[in-house]
C-alpha atoms as a PDB file:
ATOM      1  CA  UNK A   1       1.494 -19.277  -4.595  1.00  0.00           C
ATOM      2  CA  UNK A   2       2.565 -16.562  -7.052  1.00  0.00           C
ATOM      3  CA  UNK A   3       5.416 -15.298  -4.859  1.00  0.00           C
ATOM      4  CA  UNK A   4       7.290 -17.457  -2.363  1.00  0.00           C
ATOM      5  CA  UNK A   5      10.187 -15.970  -0.390  1.00  0.00           C
ATOM      6  CA  UNK A   6      12.154 -18.297   1.880  1.00  0.00           C
ATOM      7  CA  UNK A   7      14.849 -17.003   4.243  1.00  0.00           C
ATOM      8  CA  UNK A   8      16.097 -14.324   1.842  1.00  0.00           C
ATOM      9  CA  UNK A   9      19.064 -12.222   2.978  1.00  0.00           C
ATOM     10  CA  UNK A  10      20.961  -9.485   1.192  1.00  0.00           C
ATOM     11  CA  UNK A  11      24.241  -8.084   2.449  1.00  0.00           C
ATOM     12  CA  UNK A  12      26.099  -5.033   1.109  1.00  0.00           C
ATOM     13  CA  UNK A  13      29.539  -5.043   2.709  1.00  0.00           C
ATOM     14  CA  UNK A  14      28.828  -4.652   6.420  1.00  0.00           C
ATOM     15  CA  UNK A  15      25.180  -3.684   5.909  1.00  0.00           C
ATOM     16  CA  UNK A  16      22.461  -6.345   6.061  1.00  0.00           C
ATOM     17  CA  UNK A  17      19.636  -4.935   3.922  1.00  0.00           C
ATOM     18  CA  UNK A  18      17.469  -8.067   4.290  1.00  0.00           C
ATOM     19  CA  UNK A  19      17.788 -10.528   7.149  1.00  0.00           C
ATOM     20  CA  UNK A  20      16.227 -13.998   6.756  1.00  0.00           C
ATOM     21  CA  UNK A  21      12.959 -12.703   5.249  1.00  0.00           C
ATOM     22  CA  UNK A  22      10.130 -15.131   4.405  1.00  0.00           C
ATOM     23  CA  UNK A  23       6.585 -14.593   3.099  1.00  0.00           C
ATOM     24  CA  UNK A  24       4.124 -15.791   0.438  1.00  0.00           C
ATOM     25  CA  UNK A  25       1.656 -13.993  -1.829  1.00  0.00           C
ATOM     26  CA  UNK A  26      -1.313 -15.759  -3.416  1.00  0.00           C
ATOM     27  CA  UNK A  27      -2.722 -15.270  -6.901  1.00  0.00           C
ATOM     28  CA  UNK A  28      -5.409 -12.582  -6.969  1.00  0.00           C
ATOM     29  CA  UNK A  29      -4.065 -10.908  -3.821  1.00  0.00           C
ATOM     30  CA  UNK A  30      -3.024  -7.258  -3.520  1.00  0.00           C
ATOM     31  CA  UNK A  31      -0.348  -6.988  -0.847  1.00  0.00           C
ATOM     32  CA  UNK A  32       1.015  -3.747   0.558  1.00  0.00           C
ATOM     33  CA  UNK A  33       4.771  -4.024   1.177  1.00  0.00           C
ATOM     34  CA  UNK A  34       5.564  -1.193   3.556  1.00  0.00           C
ATOM     35  CA  UNK A  35       8.472   0.140   5.544  1.00  0.00           C
ATOM     36  CA  UNK A  36      10.434   3.325   6.278  1.00  0.00           C
ATOM     37  CA  UNK A  37      13.149   4.502   3.909  1.00  0.00           C
ATOM     38  CA  UNK A  38      16.078   2.091   3.950  1.00  0.00           C
ATOM     39  CA  UNK A  39      14.033  -0.777   5.402  1.00  0.00           C
ATOM     40  CA  UNK A  40      14.733  -3.132   2.495  1.00  0.00           C
ATOM     41  CA  UNK A  41      11.574  -2.769   0.383  1.00  0.00           C
ATOM     42  CA  UNK A  42      13.230  -1.856  -2.901  1.00  0.00           C
ATOM     43  CA  UNK A  43      15.960  -4.438  -2.328  1.00  0.00           C
ATOM     44  CA  UNK A  44      13.359  -7.185  -2.021  1.00  0.00           C
ATOM     45  CA  UNK A  45      11.549  -5.989  -5.138  1.00  0.00           C
ATOM     46  CA  UNK A  46      14.795  -5.934  -7.111  1.00  0.00           C
ATOM     47  CA  UNK A  47      15.506  -9.512  -6.034  1.00  0.00           C
ATOM     48  CA  UNK A  48      12.019 -10.659  -7.067  1.00  0.00           C
ATOM     49  CA  UNK A  49      12.434  -9.003 -10.463  1.00  0.00           C
ATOM     50  CA  UNK A  50      15.955 -10.458 -10.962  1.00  0.00           C
ATOM     51  CA  UNK A  51      17.763  -7.104 -10.992  1.00  0.00           C
ATOM     52  CA  UNK A  52      20.021  -8.192  -8.137  1.00  0.00           C
ATOM     53  CA  UNK A  53      20.747 -11.624  -6.612  1.00  0.00           C
ATOM     54  CA  UNK A  54      20.131 -12.460  -2.951  1.00  0.00           C
ATOM     55  CA  UNK A  55      23.062 -13.234  -0.675  1.00  0.00           C
ATOM     56  CA  UNK A  56      21.178 -16.217   0.732  1.00  0.00           C
ATOM     57  CA  UNK A  57      17.799 -17.926   0.676  1.00  0.00           C
ATOM     58  CA  UNK A  58      15.403 -18.775  -2.142  1.00  0.00           C
ATOM     59  CA  UNK A  59      12.593 -16.952  -3.954  1.00  0.00           C
ATOM     60  CA  UNK A  60      10.196 -18.069  -6.681  1.00  0.00           C
ATOM     61  CA  UNK A  61       7.823 -15.980  -8.789  1.00  0.00           C
ATOM     62  CA  UNK A  62       4.993 -17.721 -10.626  1.00  0.00           C
ATOM     63  CA  UNK A  63       6.787 -20.998  -9.870  1.00  0.00           C
ATOM     64  CA  UNK A  64      10.143 -19.913 -11.335  1.00  0.00           C
ATOM     65  CA  UNK A  65      13.313 -19.575  -9.268  1.00  0.00           C
ATOM     66  CA  UNK A  66      14.783 -16.051  -9.402  1.00  0.00           C
ATOM     67  CA  UNK A  67      18.328 -17.428  -9.551  1.00  0.00           C
ATOM     68  CA  UNK A  68      17.915 -20.459 -11.791  1.00  0.00           C
ATOM     69  CA  UNK A  69      15.080 -19.299 -14.099  1.00  0.00           C
ATOM     70  CA  UNK A  70      15.489 -15.546 -14.295  1.00  0.00           C
ATOM     71  CA  UNK A  71      14.270 -15.248 -17.909  1.00  0.00           C
ATOM     72  CA  UNK A  72      11.009 -17.025 -17.035  1.00  0.00           C
ATOM     73  CA  UNK A  73      10.616 -14.789 -13.977  1.00  0.00           C
ATOM     74  CA  UNK A  74      11.055 -11.655 -16.100  1.00  0.00           C
ATOM     75  CA  UNK A  75       8.403 -12.891 -18.529  1.00  0.00           C
ATOM     76  CA  UNK A  76       6.003 -13.398 -15.619  1.00  0.00           C
ATOM     77  CA  UNK A  77       6.543 -10.038 -13.925  1.00  0.00           C
ATOM     78  CA  UNK A  78       5.506  -6.492 -14.699  1.00  0.00           C
ATOM     79  CA  UNK A  79       7.683  -4.052 -12.748  1.00  0.00           C
ATOM     80  CA  UNK A  80       7.341  -0.332 -12.121  1.00  0.00           C
ATOM     81  CA  UNK A  81      10.385   0.774 -10.081  1.00  0.00           C
ATOM     82  CA  UNK A  82      10.376   3.788  -7.767  1.00  0.00           C
ATOM     83  CA  UNK A  83      12.492   5.849 -10.153  1.00  0.00           C
ATOM     84  CA  UNK A  84      10.593   5.242 -13.365  1.00  0.00           C
ATOM     85  CA  UNK A  85      13.238   4.735 -16.119  1.00  0.00           C
ATOM     86  CA  UNK A  86      11.942   5.919 -19.501  1.00  0.00           C
ATOM     87  CA  UNK A  87      13.510   6.789 -22.839  1.00  0.00           C
ATOM     88  CA  UNK A  88      12.561  10.466 -22.783  1.00  0.00           C
ATOM     89  CA  UNK A  89      13.351  11.095 -26.451  1.00  0.00           C
ATOM     90  CA  UNK A  90      10.838   8.469 -27.599  1.00  0.00           C
ATOM     91  CA  UNK A  91       7.143   9.078 -28.255  1.00  0.00           C
ATOM     92  CA  UNK A  92       4.596   7.335 -26.020  1.00  0.00           C
ATOM     93  CA  UNK A  93       3.319   4.898 -28.665  1.00  0.00           C
ATOM     94  CA  UNK A  94       6.834   4.336 -29.995  1.00  0.00           C
ATOM     95  CA  UNK A  95       8.117   3.499 -26.507  1.00  0.00           C
ATOM     96  CA  UNK A  96       5.282   1.059 -25.724  1.00  0.00           C
ATOM     97  CA  UNK A  97       5.746  -0.648 -29.091  1.00  0.00           C
ATOM     98  CA  UNK A  98       9.466  -0.941 -28.311  1.00  0.00           C
ATOM     99  CA  UNK A  99       8.840  -2.512 -24.893  1.00  0.00           C
ATOM    100  CA  UNK A 100       6.141  -4.791 -26.317  1.00  0.00           C
ATOM    101  CA  UNK A 101       8.551  -5.870 -29.026  1.00  0.00           C
ATOM    102  CA  UNK A 102      11.144  -6.857 -26.432  1.00  0.00           C
ATOM    103  CA  UNK A 103       8.501  -9.055 -24.800  1.00  0.00           C
ATOM    104  CA  UNK A 104       7.472 -10.427 -28.223  1.00  0.00           C
ATOM    105  CA  UNK A 105       3.857  -9.422 -27.635  1.00  0.00           C
ATOM    106  CA  UNK A 106       1.507 -10.748 -30.300  1.00  0.00           C
ATOM    107  CA  UNK A 107      -0.860  -8.276 -32.005  1.00  0.00           C
ATOM    108  CA  UNK A 108       1.401  -5.553 -30.678  1.00  0.00           C
ATOM    109  CA  UNK A 109      -0.340  -2.488 -32.108  1.00  0.00           C
ATOM    110  CA  UNK A 110      -3.748  -3.434 -30.733  1.00  0.00           C
ATOM    111  CA  UNK A 111      -2.149  -4.243 -27.354  1.00  0.00           C
ATOM    112  CA  UNK A 112      -0.466  -0.825 -27.298  1.00  0.00           C
ATOM    113  CA  UNK A 113      -3.793   0.846 -28.060  1.00  0.00           C
ATOM    114  CA  UNK A 114      -5.393  -1.146 -25.262  1.00  0.00           C
ATOM    115  CA  UNK A 115      -2.711  -0.086 -22.766  1.00  0.00           C
ATOM    116  CA  UNK A 116      -3.006   3.552 -23.820  1.00  0.00           C
ATOM    117  CA  UNK A 117      -6.753   3.405 -23.235  1.00  0.00           C
ATOM    118  CA  UNK A 118      -6.537   1.524 -19.925  1.00  0.00           C
ATOM    119  CA  UNK A 119      -3.925   3.856 -18.425  1.00  0.00           C
ATOM    120  CA  UNK A 120      -5.559   7.069 -19.675  1.00  0.00           C
ATOM    121  CA  UNK A 121      -2.819   8.090 -22.082  1.00  0.00           C
ATOM    122  CA  UNK A 122      -5.041   8.722 -25.097  1.00  0.00           C
ATOM    123  CA  UNK A 123      -4.643  12.502 -25.186  1.00  0.00           C
ATOM    124  CA  UNK A 124      -0.862  12.251 -24.714  1.00  0.00           C
ATOM    125  CA  UNK A 125      -0.075   9.280 -26.947  1.00  0.00           C
ATOM    126  CA  UNK A 126       1.504  11.321 -29.757  1.00  0.00           C
ATOM    127  CA  UNK A 127       3.816  13.301 -27.458  1.00  0.00           C
ATOM    128  CA  UNK A 128       7.439  12.706 -26.639  1.00  0.00           C
ATOM    129  CA  UNK A 129       7.842  11.356 -23.124  1.00  0.00           C
ATOM    130  CA  UNK A 130      10.102  14.301 -22.226  1.00  0.00           C
ATOM    131  CA  UNK A 131       7.104  16.605 -22.742  1.00  0.00           C
ATOM    132  CA  UNK A 132       4.852  14.707 -20.311  1.00  0.00           C
ATOM    133  CA  UNK A 133       4.061  15.694 -16.739  1.00  0.00           C
ATOM    134  CA  UNK A 134       5.296  13.466 -13.922  1.00  0.00           C
ATOM    135  CA  UNK A 135       1.822  11.976 -13.546  1.00  0.00           C
ATOM    136  CA  UNK A 136       1.629  10.974 -17.201  1.00  0.00           C
ATOM    137  CA  UNK A 137       5.135   9.553 -17.083  1.00  0.00           C
ATOM    138  CA  UNK A 138       3.928   7.301 -14.260  1.00  0.00           C
ATOM    139  CA  UNK A 139       1.090   6.152 -16.503  1.00  0.00           C
ATOM    140  CA  UNK A 140       3.584   5.298 -19.249  1.00  0.00           C
ATOM    141  CA  UNK A 141       5.579   3.305 -16.680  1.00  0.00           C
ATOM    142  CA  UNK A 142       2.463   1.433 -15.604  1.00  0.00           C
ATOM    143  CA  UNK A 143       1.538   0.738 -19.237  1.00  0.00           C
ATOM    144  CA  UNK A 144       4.979  -0.771 -19.955  1.00  0.00           C
ATOM    145  CA  UNK A 145       4.681  -2.941 -16.852  1.00  0.00           C
ATOM    146  CA  UNK A 146       1.355  -4.327 -18.084  1.00  0.00           C
ATOM    147  CA  UNK A 147       1.926  -4.587 -21.818  1.00  0.00           C
ATOM    148  CA  UNK A 148       3.019  -8.249 -21.823  1.00  0.00           C
ATOM    149  CA  UNK A 149       0.088  -9.280 -19.581  1.00  0.00           C
ATOM    150  CA  UNK A 150       2.229 -10.518 -16.673  1.00  0.00           C
ATOM    151  CA  UNK A 151       0.898 -12.841 -13.966  1.00  0.00           C
ATOM    152  CA  UNK A 152       2.610 -10.791 -11.240  1.00  0.00           C
ATOM    153  CA  UNK A 153       2.738  -7.006 -10.965  1.00  0.00           C
ATOM    154  CA  UNK A 154       5.324  -5.362  -8.683  1.00  0.00           C
ATOM    155  CA  UNK A 155       4.790  -1.643  -8.167  1.00  0.00           C
ATOM    156  CA  UNK A 156       7.173   0.615  -6.243  1.00  0.00           C
ATOM    157  CA  UNK A 157       5.470   3.960  -5.449  1.00  0.00           C
ATOM    158  CA  UNK A 158       3.120   3.719  -8.484  1.00  0.00           C
ATOM    159  CA  UNK A 159       1.091   6.868  -7.765  1.00  0.00           C
ATOM    160  CA  UNK A 160       3.959   9.308  -7.236  1.00  0.00           C
ATOM    161  CA  UNK A 161       3.187  12.672  -8.829  1.00  0.00           C
ATOM    162  CA  UNK A 162      -0.467  11.968  -9.671  1.00  0.00           C
ATOM    163  CA  UNK A 163      -3.198  14.530  -9.037  1.00  0.00           C
ATOM    164  CA  UNK A 164      -6.344  13.489  -7.072  1.00  0.00           C
ATOM    165  CA  UNK A 165      -8.283  12.568 -10.222  1.00  0.00           C
ATOM    166  CA  UNK A 166      -5.396  10.527 -11.605  1.00  0.00           C
ATOM    167  CA  UNK A 167      -4.955   8.863  -8.204  1.00  0.00           C
ATOM    168  CA  UNK A 168      -8.533   7.621  -8.240  1.00  0.00           C
ATOM    169  CA  UNK A 169      -8.181   6.313 -11.803  1.00  0.00           C
ATOM    170  CA  UNK A 170      -4.886   4.485 -11.220  1.00  0.00           C
ATOM    171  CA  UNK A 171      -6.114   3.015  -7.929  1.00  0.00           C
ATOM    172  CA  UNK A 172      -9.220   1.689  -9.663  1.00  0.00           C
ATOM    173  CA  UNK A 173      -6.992   0.212 -12.381  1.00  0.00           C
ATOM    174  CA  UNK A 174      -4.797  -1.522  -9.779  1.00  0.00           C
ATOM    175  CA  UNK A 175      -7.912  -2.831  -8.023  1.00  0.00           C
ATOM    176  CA  UNK A 176      -9.222  -4.315 -11.293  1.00  0.00           C
ATOM    177  CA  UNK A 177      -5.836  -5.847 -12.095  1.00  0.00           C
ATOM    178  CA  UNK A 178      -5.677  -7.376  -8.617  1.00  0.00           C
ATOM    179  CA  UNK A 179      -8.759  -9.514  -9.256  1.00  0.00           C
ATOM    180  CA  UNK A 180      -6.857 -11.576 -11.814  1.00  0.00           C
ATOM    181  CA  UNK A 181      -3.185 -11.036 -11.022  1.00  0.00           C
ATOM    182  CA  UNK A 182      -0.895 -10.931  -8.036  1.00  0.00           C
ATOM    183  CA  UNK A 183      -0.007  -7.360  -7.086  1.00  0.00           C
ATOM    184  CA  UNK A 184       2.782  -6.387  -4.706  1.00  0.00           C
ATOM    185  CA  UNK A 185       2.565  -2.685  -3.937  1.00  0.00           C
ATOM    186  CA  UNK A 186       5.025  -0.467  -2.101  1.00  0.00           C
ATOM    187  CA  UNK A 187       3.900   3.028  -1.130  1.00  0.00           C
ATOM    188  CA  UNK A 188       4.218   5.617   1.628  1.00  0.00           C
ATOM    189  CA  UNK A 189       0.557   6.611   1.225  1.00  0.00           C
ATOM    190  CA  UNK A 190      -1.189   4.692   3.998  1.00  0.00           C
ATOM    191  CA  UNK A 191      -4.662   5.620   2.734  1.00  0.00           C
ATOM    192  CA  UNK A 192      -3.777   3.932  -0.550  1.00  0.00           C
ATOM    193  CA  UNK A 193      -2.957   0.701   1.264  1.00  0.00           C
ATOM    194  CA  UNK A 194      -6.201   0.861   3.275  1.00  0.00           C
ATOM    195  CA  UNK A 195      -8.185   1.280   0.049  1.00  0.00           C
ATOM    196  CA  UNK A 196      -6.389  -1.249  -2.160  1.00  0.00           C
ATOM    197  CA  UNK A 197      -4.624  -3.947  -0.190  1.00  0.00           C
ATOM    198  CA  UNK A 198      -5.995  -7.220   1.142  1.00  0.00           C
ATOM    199  CA  UNK A 199      -2.925  -7.752   3.260  1.00  0.00           C
ATOM    200  CA  UNK A 200      -0.032  -5.738   4.660  1.00  0.00           C
ATOM    201  CA  UNK A 201       3.576  -6.762   5.165  1.00  0.00           C
ATOM    202  CA  UNK A 202       5.651  -4.237   7.114  1.00  0.00           C
ATOM    203  CA  UNK A 203       9.434  -4.481   7.030  1.00  0.00           C
ATOM    204  CA  UNK A 204      11.829  -2.565   9.261  1.00  0.00           C
ATOM    205  CA  UNK A 205      15.628  -2.717   9.251  1.00  0.00           C
ATOM    206  CA  UNK A 206      15.596  -5.753   6.981  1.00  0.00           C
ATOM    207  CA  UNK A 207      13.153  -7.766   9.115  1.00  0.00           C
ATOM    208  CA  UNK A 208       9.410  -8.355   8.723  1.00  0.00           C
ATOM    209  CA  UNK A 209       7.680  -6.916  11.786  1.00  0.00           C
ATOM    210  CA  UNK A 210       4.118  -7.869  10.792  1.00  0.00           C
ATOM    211  CA  UNK A 211       2.254  -9.767   8.076  1.00  0.00           C
ATOM    212  CA  UNK A 212      -1.525  -9.581   8.495  1.00  0.00           C
ATOM    213  CA  UNK A 213      -4.753  -8.862   6.659  1.00  0.00           C
ATOM    214  CA  UNK A 214      -5.327  -5.104   6.424  1.00  0.00           C
ATOM    215  CA  UNK A 215      -8.576  -5.198   8.387  1.00  0.00           C
ATOM    216  CA  UNK A 216      -7.066  -7.306  11.183  1.00  0.00           C
ATOM    217  CA  UNK A 217      -4.087  -4.956  11.430  1.00  0.00           C
ATOM    218  CA  UNK A 218      -6.362  -1.927  11.729  1.00  0.00           C
ATOM    219  CA  UNK A 219      -8.510  -3.528  14.415  1.00  0.00           C
ATOM    220  CA  UNK A 220      -5.448  -4.077  16.580  1.00  0.00           C
ATOM    221  CA  UNK A 221      -6.045  -4.022  20.328  1.00  0.00           C
ATOM    222  CA  UNK A 222      -9.677  -4.966  20.938  1.00  0.00           C
ATOM    223  CA  UNK A 223      -9.438  -4.567  24.716  1.00  0.00           C
ATOM    224  CA  UNK A 224     -11.016  -1.109  24.607  1.00  0.00           C
ATOM    225  CA  UNK A 225     -13.227   1.149  22.493  1.00  0.00           C
ATOM    226  CA  UNK A 226     -12.587   4.865  21.973  1.00  0.00           C
ATOM    227  CA  UNK A 227     -15.423   7.321  21.303  1.00  0.00           C
ATOM    228  CA  UNK A 228     -14.881  10.945  20.241  1.00  0.00           C
ATOM    229  CA  UNK A 229     -17.705  13.199  21.487  1.00  0.00           C
ATOM    230  CA  UNK A 230     -18.166  16.954  21.046  1.00  0.00           C
ATOM    231  CA  UNK A 231     -20.483  18.924  23.346  1.00  0.00           C
ATOM    232  CA  UNK A 232     -21.827  22.462  22.949  1.00  0.00           C
ATOM    233  CA  UNK A 233     -20.640  23.455  26.430  1.00  0.00           C
ATOM    234  CA  UNK A 234     -17.757  22.658  28.736  1.00  0.00           C
ATOM    235  CA  UNK A 235     -17.757  19.408  30.691  1.00  0.00           C
ATOM    236  CA  UNK A 236     -15.206  17.950  33.098  1.00  0.00           C
ATOM    237  CA  UNK A 237     -13.408  14.631  33.177  1.00  0.00           C
ATOM    238  CA  UNK A 238     -14.932  13.827  36.557  1.00  0.00           C
ATOM    239  CA  UNK A 239     -18.436  14.234  35.088  1.00  0.00           C
ATOM    240  CA  UNK A 240     -17.684  11.898  32.165  1.00  0.00           C
ATOM    241  CA  UNK A 241     -16.173   9.245  34.446  1.00  0.00           C
ATOM    242  CA  UNK A 242     -19.530   8.995  36.247  1.00  0.00           C
ATOM    243  CA  UNK A 243     -21.154   7.642  33.050  1.00  0.00           C
ATOM    244  CA  UNK A 244     -21.652   3.871  33.366  1.00  0.00           C
ATOM    245  CA  UNK A 245     -19.010   1.962  31.410  1.00  0.00           C
ATOM    246  CA  UNK A 246     -16.580   4.870  30.940  1.00  0.00           C
ATOM    247  CA  UNK A 247     -13.058   3.861  32.027  1.00  0.00           C
ATOM    248  CA  UNK A 248     -11.168   7.006  31.053  1.00  0.00           C
ATOM    249  CA  UNK A 249     -11.639  10.383  29.369  1.00  0.00           C
ATOM    250  CA  UNK A 250      -9.244  12.909  27.869  1.00  0.00           C
ATOM    251  CA  UNK A 251      -9.839  16.350  26.407  1.00  0.00           C
ATOM    252  CA  UNK A 252      -8.934  16.560  22.727  1.00  0.00           C
ATOM    253  CA  UNK A 253      -9.636  20.278  22.223  1.00  0.00           C
ATOM    254  CA  UNK A 254     -12.301  22.728  23.323  1.00  0.00           C
ATOM    255  CA  UNK A 255     -15.416  20.744  24.219  1.00  0.00           C
ATOM    256  CA  UNK A 256     -14.311  17.615  22.353  1.00  0.00           C
ATOM    257  CA  UNK A 257     -13.472  14.560  24.450  1.00  0.00           C
ATOM    258  CA  UNK A 258     -11.968  11.135  23.890  1.00  0.00           C
ATOM    259  CA  UNK A 259     -13.983   8.615  25.905  1.00  0.00           C
ATOM    260  CA  UNK A 260     -12.543   5.132  26.581  1.00  0.00           C
ATOM    261  CA  UNK A 261     -14.715   2.099  27.396  1.00  0.00           C
ATOM    262  CA  UNK A 262     -14.373  -1.669  27.646  1.00  0.00           C
ATOM    263  CA  UNK A 263     -14.588  -3.924  24.558  1.00  0.00           C
ATOM    264  CA  UNK A 264     -18.222  -4.947  25.055  1.00  0.00           C
ATOM    265  CA  UNK A 265     -19.536  -1.538  26.123  1.00  0.00           C
ATOM    266  CA  UNK A 266     -21.497   0.875  23.926  1.00  0.00           C
ATOM    267  CA  UNK A 267     -21.859   4.079  25.927  1.00  0.00           C
ATOM    268  CA  UNK A 268     -23.254   6.291  23.189  1.00  0.00           C
ATOM    269  CA  UNK A 269     -26.841   6.194  24.471  1.00  0.00           C
ATOM    270  CA  UNK A 270     -25.583   6.874  27.997  1.00  0.00           C
ATOM    271  CA  UNK A 271     -23.558   9.850  26.749  1.00  0.00           C
ATOM    272  CA  UNK A 272     -26.695  11.306  25.143  1.00  0.00           C
ATOM    273  CA  UNK A 273     -28.602  10.709  28.385  1.00  0.00           C
ATOM    274  CA  UNK A 274     -25.812  12.438  30.331  1.00  0.00           C
ATOM    275  CA  UNK A 275     -26.008  15.428  27.968  1.00  0.00           C
ATOM    276  CA  UNK A 276     -29.772  15.788  28.384  1.00  0.00           C
ATOM    277  CA  UNK A 277     -29.563  15.542  32.176  1.00  0.00           C
ATOM    278  CA  UNK A 278     -26.897  18.269  32.253  1.00  0.00           C
ATOM    279  CA  UNK A 279     -28.502  20.651  29.752  1.00  0.00           C
ATOM    280  CA  UNK A 280     -25.960  19.869  27.028  1.00  0.00           C
ATOM    281  CA  UNK A 281     -26.203  19.115  23.309  1.00  0.00           C
ATOM    282  CA  UNK A 282     -24.050  16.505  21.571  1.00  0.00           C
ATOM    283  CA  UNK A 283     -22.700  18.173  18.410  1.00  0.00           C
ATOM    284  CA  UNK A 284     -20.995  15.011  17.161  1.00  0.00           C
ATOM    285  CA  UNK A 285     -20.006  11.555  18.273  1.00  0.00           C
ATOM    286  CA  UNK A 286     -18.157   8.756  16.502  1.00  0.00           C
ATOM    287  CA  UNK A 287     -16.077   5.707  17.233  1.00  0.00           C
ATOM    288  CA  UNK A 288     -12.391   6.343  16.664  1.00  0.00           C
ATOM    289  CA  UNK A 289     -10.945   3.988  14.056  1.00  0.00           C
ATOM    290  CA  UNK A 290      -7.345   2.836  14.278  1.00  0.00           C
ATOM    291  CA  UNK A 291      -5.464   4.065  11.215  1.00  0.00           C
ATOM    292  CA  UNK A 292      -2.817   2.085   9.390  1.00  0.00           C
ATOM    293  CA  UNK A 293      -0.503   5.065   9.809  1.00  0.00           C
ATOM    294  CA  UNK A 294      -0.694   4.613  13.593  1.00  0.00           C
ATOM    295  CA  UNK A 295       0.158   0.912  13.253  1.00  0.00           C
ATOM    296  CA  UNK A 296       3.070   1.739  10.949  1.00  0.00           C
ATOM    297  CA  UNK A 297       4.491   4.248  13.445  1.00  0.00           C
ATOM    298  CA  UNK A 298       4.115   1.796  16.330  1.00  0.00           C
ATOM    299  CA  UNK A 299       5.989  -0.958  14.478  1.00  0.00           C
ATOM    300  CA  UNK A 300       8.747   1.103  12.847  1.00  0.00           C
ATOM    301  CA  UNK A 301       9.165   4.191  15.013  1.00  0.00           C
ATOM    302  CA  UNK A 302      10.542   2.567  18.136  1.00  0.00           C
ATOM    303  CA  UNK A 303      14.249   2.586  18.802  1.00  0.00           C
ATOM    304  CA  UNK A 304      15.827  -0.824  18.586  1.00  0.00           C
END
């Protein structure tokens, strides 16, 4: 395992930021580490990157203990924190050469050129960092996290400030990196997690509330199927409930209805038959997919 967390706690005065947290992350796995603001995400990432010590418990990264072997952990980890700290008065190439020098990267200049190319900084490489847009500053942060070829990459809000084109490029880069490295990714963009992550860990108030594969988490309750159907004319709930297999129906808006059936029932052909028999046309019909955002709200939005 690249990351092993065993019963980690972190206490600030009277506040328990992390409470007996345990999980593991395998090599070659991209894991989404999610939670509302103040849930403990950044605290856990800071512990794994040796910026702060835990109050209790044990954590290892790439086989090295974060308390006993912090230098080895730092060599193994590439870290992009939420608030990307950069030396704004330095030039892009100068900064990456500086960071690479700290890591004692061999063939430093060629590695810097490689990072500039990979992260799409070519056109900005001769600029001072202070002159870069927020999106390009994020790219510089990602480049510094990768420059020493770490086994583990920990990214806290890595796509903040990127435009749609940059988002696609950085996501593809993270996906490629994840085939060979361990990636732990924190973000508030649920679509990003659905696209990138093999697994999702959700933390709330210092406790892990779920740890499952992304697809399994999205499937959720399999006891019923929901179909969204739009007709060209008005229909009533009582009419829809007469269709074989339909357990419930609710109007979404206008002539669009949410139709609920059992887990083994496919009523789409019967809905089309119903429409023909009643002089209606079906303008659209699709199975409603459970979104990760809905799961997140269910697990973190309830009062405790």
